[in-house]
Every structure is written in C-alpha cells, then in structure tokens.
Amino acid sequence: MEVAYHLHMPLYQLYAEMPYDELAMWFAYFERRPIGWRDDLRTAYLLSSNGDKRKPDAIFPSLQAVSKTNRTPIESLKTSYLFHKMLGAIGGDKLDLS
C-alpha cells in the first residue's frame, strides 16, 4: 500500500497494470532511498548548523540506507542542473564544495 500511495496509484490499478518485475524494482528503490529521507537530511543539516555534532545517519535511520550508496549529496549536487546554473551565476566560478 505504501508503494501505491507514493506512486499516486490506487491499489487496484497497481495490481492490474504493474508487472511484478517493476514492483520489485520499486521495492528495491525504496530500500535504498527510504521515503522521507530528504526531509530527514534537511533536518540533520539544520541540527548541524545549530551545533549538533552527530552524523546525520546516527540521528535518522532512514539515512543509513542512503549513506550506503556510492554518491554523496554533494556528488549528486555537482551533477545536477541547479549546480550548473550556480556555476554560471556571478561569482559561481568561486564555488568550493570539496
């Protein structure tokens, strides 16, 4: 039901139209990227900016699955459209995200 909810599909439609292989891929995706992990990461950044020294995945279990992947949020940002726009902005050539 959780997958149907987040895919904005009624359960009967999910059962009728989605092949089992695709459903299994969605389950695997949600294991690597748990629902709500972005919200947890933003909250961890806010806590960090207020002096909390804990690692984000120590605070939020949802981030443990995300931290197991190869790409960090900074690496993801560097390949994004937003980052390329930031580089093109005035002073964007001075960005240092290392």
Protein backbone atom coordinates (compact mmCIF):
# COMPACT_ATOMS: atom_id res chain seq x y z
CA MET A 1 0.00 0.00 0.00
CA GLU A 2 2.89 2.34 0.75
CA VAL A 3 4.24 1.99 -2.79
CA ALA A 4 0.81 2.67 -4.31
CA TYR A 5 0.42 5.73 -2.11
CA HIS A 6 3.77 7.23 -3.08
CA LEU A 7 3.29 6.41 -6.75
CA HIS A 8 -0.14 8.09 -6.58
CA MET A 9 -1.88 4.98 -7.88
CA PRO A 10 -4.93 3.22 -6.50
CA LEU A 11 -4.05 -0.23 -5.24
CA TYR A 12 -6.35 -1.98 -7.73
CA GLN A 13 -4.60 -0.15 -10.59
CA LEU A 14 -1.18 -1.08 -9.26
CA TYR A 15 -2.19 -4.75 -9.12
CA ALA A 16 -3.79 -4.67 -12.58
CA GLU A 17 -1.19 -2.70 -14.52
CA MET A 18 2.21 -3.01 -12.90
CA PRO A 19 4.26 -6.09 -13.74
CA TYR A 20 5.85 -7.91 -10.83
CA ASP A 21 9.39 -7.05 -12.04
CA GLU A 22 8.66 -3.34 -11.92
CA LEU A 23 7.06 -3.62 -8.49
CA ALA A 24 10.14 -5.46 -7.23
CA MET A 25 12.32 -2.65 -8.60
CA TRP A 26 10.21 -0.09 -6.71
CA PHE A 27 10.66 -2.08 -3.50
CA ALA A 28 14.43 -2.15 -4.06
CA TYR A 29 14.45 1.58 -4.80
CA PHE A 30 12.56 2.40 -1.60
CA GLU A 31 15.04 0.26 0.35
CA ARG A 32 17.92 2.36 -0.99
CA ARG A 33 16.01 5.62 -0.76
CA PRO A 34 13.54 5.33 2.13
CA ILE A 35 10.51 7.55 1.96
CA GLY A 36 11.18 10.83 3.74
CA TRP A 37 14.98 10.60 3.67
CA ARG A 38 15.33 14.04 2.07
CA ASP A 39 13.31 15.62 4.89
CA ASP A 40 15.49 13.82 7.42
CA LEU A 41 18.65 15.05 5.69
CA ARG A 42 17.43 18.66 5.69
CA THR A 43 16.59 18.38 9.37
CA ALA A 44 20.04 16.92 10.09
CA TYR A 45 21.64 19.87 8.27
CA LEU A 46 19.57 22.27 10.37
CA LEU A 47 20.62 20.48 13.54
CA SER A 48 24.24 20.60 12.40
CA SER A 49 24.03 24.33 11.74
CA ASN A 50 22.79 24.70 15.32
CA GLY A 51 25.80 22.88 16.73
CA ASP A 52 24.77 19.22 16.74
CA LYS A 53 27.94 17.20 16.07
CA ARG A 54 26.30 13.83 15.38
CA LYS A 55 26.41 12.32 11.91
CA PRO A 56 23.07 12.51 10.07
CA ASP A 57 22.72 8.72 9.80
CA ALA A 58 23.21 8.43 13.58
CA ILE A 59 20.18 10.66 14.11
CA PHE A 60 17.90 9.33 11.36
CA PRO A 61 17.86 5.61 10.49
CA SER A 62 16.45 6.40 7.04
CA LEU A 63 19.78 8.00 6.14
CA GLN A 64 21.73 4.82 6.89
CA ALA A 65 20.42 3.24 3.69
CA VAL A 66 21.23 6.36 1.69
CA SER A 67 24.77 6.57 3.09
CA LYS A 68 25.47 3.04 1.80
CA THR A 69 25.24 4.24 -1.80
CA ASN A 70 28.29 5.47 -3.68
CA ARG A 71 27.15 9.06 -4.23
CA THR A 72 27.09 11.65 -1.50
CA PRO A 73 24.61 14.53 -1.60
CA ILE A 74 27.46 16.83 -2.72
CA GLU A 75 28.33 14.49 -5.60
CA SER A 76 24.67 14.43 -6.59
CA LEU A 77 24.57 18.22 -6.49
CA LYS A 78 27.64 18.51 -8.70
CA THR A 79 25.89 16.60 -11.49
CA SER A 80 22.62 18.50 -11.19
CA TYR A 81 21.13 21.20 -13.37
CA LEU A 82 20.99 23.52 -10.34
CA PHE A 83 24.74 23.27 -9.79
CA HIS A 84 25.50 24.14 -13.41
CA LYS A 85 23.25 27.18 -13.08
CA MET A 86 25.08 28.15 -9.88
CA LEU A 87 28.42 27.95 -11.68
CA GLY A 88 27.09 30.28 -14.37
CA ALA A 89 25.95 32.88 -11.85
CA ILE A 90 28.05 35.87 -10.85
CA GLY A 91 30.78 34.54 -8.60
CA GLY A 92 29.79 30.96 -9.36
CA ASP A 93 33.27 30.13 -10.54
CA LYS A 94 34.44 30.58 -6.94
CA LEU A 95 32.20 27.83 -5.50
CA ASP A 96 34.15 25.34 -3.43
CA LEU A 97 32.26 22.19 -2.48
CA SER A 98 35.21 19.99 -1.64
